[in-house]
Amino acid sequence: MQGKRLLSVDDDAGVLAIIRKVAVELGFEVETISNSTRFMTAYVRIKPDVITLDLMMPDMDGIELVRWLGDVGCTAGVIILSGGHTMFVNLAQKLASTRGSLHTSVLRKPFSIAELRAALTAATARPPAGT
């Protein structure tokens, strides 16, 4: 996984710190953002291979970001993070499936270190979009 880039957006600094630690151990270059309004600029600059995306944030929700990622033809693996109602997770995944080749998985909060490792590993092991 050496050289893989991860972009992580979450309004919880503790979650971002855990994601960074685990991802660095797996060989990722990591950029974390606690404000979703800066996500789009960071995405264009970083061109991530994997994204972790909190659905419930105060400034712009993750569903809007999922829509935007689909619109720009994102090929990164997107791990949706949510401790909220299953309805929001289902909505995000349904939206992702209608947005071209956007590949998503879900990691429910609170998650274990092992679950995070598995999700990050799976997101980089998937075939390229469109295959």
Protein backbone atom coordinates (compact mmCIF):
# COMPACT_ATOMS: atom_id res chain seq x y z
CA MET A 1 0.00 0.00 0.00
CA GLN A 2 3.02 2.26 0.01
CA GLY A 3 2.29 5.64 -1.56
CA LYS A 4 -1.48 5.47 -1.17
CA ARG A 5 -3.12 8.77 -0.26
CA LEU A 6 -5.92 9.09 2.29
CA LEU A 7 -8.14 12.12 2.74
CA SER A 8 -10.15 11.99 5.96
CA VAL A 9 -12.89 14.46 6.91
CA ASP A 10 -14.56 14.38 10.31
CA ASP A 11 -15.51 17.06 12.83
CA ASP A 12 -14.22 14.89 15.69
CA ALA A 13 -10.48 15.46 16.24
CA GLY A 14 -10.20 12.20 18.19
CA VAL A 15 -11.56 10.18 15.27
CA LEU A 16 -9.18 11.93 12.88
CA ALA A 17 -6.22 11.16 15.16
CA ILE A 18 -7.12 7.45 15.26
CA ILE A 19 -7.61 7.29 11.50
CA ARG A 20 -4.27 9.04 10.92
CA LYS A 21 -2.39 6.69 13.25
CA VAL A 22 -3.82 3.51 11.73
CA ALA A 23 -3.50 4.73 8.14
CA VAL A 24 0.14 5.81 8.58
CA GLU A 25 0.90 2.35 10.02
CA LEU A 26 -0.61 0.89 6.82
CA GLY A 27 1.65 3.06 4.64
CA PHE A 28 -0.76 5.86 3.71
CA GLU A 29 0.11 9.49 3.24
CA VAL A 30 -2.67 11.13 5.27
CA GLU A 31 -4.43 14.49 5.10
CA THR A 32 -7.09 15.17 7.71
CA ILE A 33 -9.71 17.90 7.59
CA SER A 34 -12.13 18.82 10.35
CA ASN A 35 -14.16 21.26 8.24
CA SER A 36 -16.05 19.77 5.31
CA THR A 37 -16.21 23.07 3.43
CA ARG A 38 -12.47 22.68 2.71
CA PHE A 39 -12.90 19.10 1.54
CA MET A 40 -13.36 19.87 -2.16
CA THR A 41 -10.17 21.93 -2.40
CA ALA A 42 -8.19 19.25 -0.55
CA TYR A 43 -9.64 16.51 -2.77
CA VAL A 44 -8.50 18.26 -5.95
CA ARG A 45 -5.05 18.97 -4.50
CA ILE A 46 -4.41 15.52 -3.00
CA LYS A 47 -6.16 13.21 -5.49
CA PRO A 48 -6.72 10.57 -2.79
CA ASP A 49 -6.88 6.83 -3.31
CA VAL A 50 -9.14 6.44 -0.26
CA ILE A 51 -11.49 8.84 1.53
CA THR A 52 -13.01 8.49 4.96
CA LEU A 53 -16.07 10.68 5.15
CA ASP A 54 -18.16 11.47 8.22
CA LEU A 55 -21.82 11.82 7.24
CA MET A 56 -22.91 14.04 10.11
CA MET A 57 -21.01 17.32 10.25
CA PRO A 58 -22.15 20.80 11.23
CA ASP A 59 -21.17 22.80 8.13
CA MET A 60 -21.90 20.50 5.17
CA ASP A 61 -23.16 16.97 5.53
CA GLY A 62 -21.43 13.99 4.01
CA ILE A 63 -24.36 13.27 1.72
CA GLU A 64 -23.64 16.52 -0.12
CA LEU A 65 -20.00 15.47 -0.39
CA VAL A 66 -20.96 12.02 -1.73
CA ARG A 67 -23.05 13.75 -4.40
CA TRP A 68 -20.14 16.02 -5.31
CA LEU A 69 -17.67 13.10 -5.46
CA GLY A 70 -19.97 11.30 -7.88
CA ASP A 71 -20.34 14.41 -10.00
CA VAL A 72 -16.56 14.84 -10.34
CA GLY A 73 -16.01 11.17 -11.23
CA CYS A 74 -14.23 10.18 -8.03
CA THR A 75 -12.43 6.82 -8.34
CA ALA A 76 -11.21 6.69 -4.73
CA GLY A 77 -12.63 4.14 -2.33
CA VAL A 78 -14.99 6.04 -0.03
CA ILE A 79 -15.47 4.79 3.52
CA ILE A 80 -18.60 6.37 4.96
CA LEU A 81 -18.33 6.93 8.71
CA SER A 82 -21.53 7.26 10.68
CA GLY A 83 -22.85 6.83 14.15
CA GLY A 84 -26.19 8.23 13.05
CA HIS A 85 -29.40 6.66 11.90
CA THR A 86 -29.16 3.86 9.33
CA MET A 87 -31.48 5.86 7.06
CA PHE A 88 -28.73 8.43 6.41
CA VAL A 89 -26.17 5.73 5.65
CA ASN A 90 -28.59 4.03 3.25
CA LEU A 91 -29.33 7.34 1.56
CA ALA A 92 -25.62 8.05 1.08
CA GLN A 93 -24.99 4.61 -0.37
CA LYS A 94 -28.01 4.83 -2.70
CA LEU A 95 -26.81 8.23 -3.88
CA ALA A 96 -23.30 6.85 -4.44
CA SER A 97 -24.68 3.97 -6.53
CA THR A 98 -26.46 6.43 -8.82
CA ARG A 99 -23.33 8.54 -9.30
CA GLY A 100 -21.33 6.53 -11.79
CA SER A 101 -18.55 4.36 -10.45
CA LEU A 102 -18.39 5.75 -6.91
CA HIS A 103 -17.37 2.84 -4.66
CA THR A 104 -18.43 3.08 -1.01
CA SER A 105 -18.29 1.02 2.14
CA VAL A 106 -19.60 1.83 5.62
CA LEU A 107 -17.83 1.93 8.95
CA ARG A 108 -20.22 2.42 11.86
CA LYS A 109 -19.10 4.56 14.80
CA PRO A 110 -17.81 3.64 17.25
CA PHE A 111 -15.50 1.36 15.27
CA SER A 112 -12.61 -0.78 16.43
CA ILE A 113 -9.01 -0.41 15.24
CA ALA A 114 -9.33 -3.81 13.55
CA GLU A 115 -12.47 -2.69 11.68
CA LEU A 116 -10.71 0.49 10.53
CA ARG A 117 -7.66 -1.46 9.33
CA ALA A 118 -9.89 -3.88 7.44
CA ALA A 119 -11.87 -1.06 5.80
CA LEU A 120 -8.73 0.81 4.71
CA THR A 121 -7.16 -2.38 3.37
CA ALA A 122 -10.34 -3.35 1.49
CA ALA A 123 -10.65 0.13 -0.02
CA THR A 124 -7.18 -0.18 -1.57
CA ALA A 125 -7.61 -3.81 -2.66
CA ARG A 126 -10.67 -3.22 -4.83
CA PRO A 127 -10.31 -3.23 -8.64
CA PRO A 128 -10.06 0.12 -10.43
CA ALA A 129 -13.35 1.88 -11.11
CA GLY A 130 -15.14 0.75 -14.24
CA THR A 131 -13.79 -2.82 -14.23
